[in-house]
Amino acid sequence: MLFSFYLGFQRWNGLGEMEFVGFQNFAFVIEDPIFWKALYNTIIMGALGTFPQLIVAIFLAFALNSALVKFQSAFRAAFFLPYVTSTVAVAIIFGVMFSNQDFGLINVFLNLVGLDSVSWQTNEWGVKIAVAVMVFWRWLGYNTIIYLAGMQGIPNDLYEAATIDGATVWQKIRFITIPMLRPIIIFTVFLSTIGALQLFTEPLIFLGGGLRQEGITVVLYLWREAFSNMAFGTASASAIILFLIIIVFAAVNSFVVNKAFK
C-alpha cells in the first residue's frame, strides 16, 4: 500500500524509470469524466445488488430459524453454495442467462410474458441490472447465514412472549429480531458497502473483458489505466482515491445505520 501511495505521485509505464509528477495523476483522474462515470456505475450497481439483498437475507434467516421450514440443514447448505462458487463461473453462467440473443434465458422469459428482448450487455441499465443480480445472488446466502447465526442467539422466550401478546410475524421481526441483530446488521452493511465499491470480476467477465462505459467500475478503471494504458501512476492515484471514497462511505453508512437504530 505504501508503494502504491508513492507510485501515485510518479509517472511510470512499468518498465522505464519513474518520474515525479506531484499531484498530476490525481488531477488527471479527478478531471477524467470516465472516472466519474465509473464511480456512478459502481454506486448504482452496488446499491441495486446490496441493499435489497440484505433485506431479503433477514427474512430468509428468520424463516430458516423458525419451526415452519423443514430440512433446515439442507437449505442452509444450499444458501451458502453461491458464496463458495467461483466468481468467474458465476459471471459466465449469468452472462449466458442475460445474453443479448433471444435464446438467452431472461429474454426467453420476457418474450413469454409479451415483453421485448433486452440487449443486456450493451444497454446501460441492462448491464447494471445484470451485474446487480449477480451480486444479489452471490452474497444473499452468505448474509443469510450470518443473520441466522445471530438469530440463534436471541432467546426464544422473547418470541414466545410476543406470540402470547398476539404479535404478527412482521411485528416480531421489527421489534425483536432487527433490534437484537443491530451489531450484525451494521457489520454486514459495512462489509457489503466495501464489497460493492470493489466490483471487478462480475462486470469484467459479463462484458467479455471489454471496458465499455456502460459497465465500467472504479476498479475496472484503474485496471485499465494500469494494464491497458500502462499508466501505473494514474492507476495508483485511482486506487488511493477509491480508498478515500470507501472510508467516506463507511463513515456515512455507520452514521446512518446507527441513527436508524436509535
Foldseek 3Di string as FASTA:
>chain_A
DVVLVVLLQWWFLPPDDTHGNGNPLLVCLVPDVLLVLQAVLLVLLLVLQAPVLLVVLLVLLVVLLDPPDPPSVVVLVVLQVLQPDDLLVLLVVLLQCLAQDCPRVVNVVCVVVPHHGDRLLPDLVSVSNSSSVSSSSNCSSVSSVLLNVQVVPFDCVVVVVCVVVVHDPVRCCVPPSCLSCLVVSLVSVLVSLLVSLQDDSNSCVSNPNDCDSSNRHLLNVLVCCCPVVSGSNSSSSSVVVSVVVSVVVSVVSNVVSVVVSD
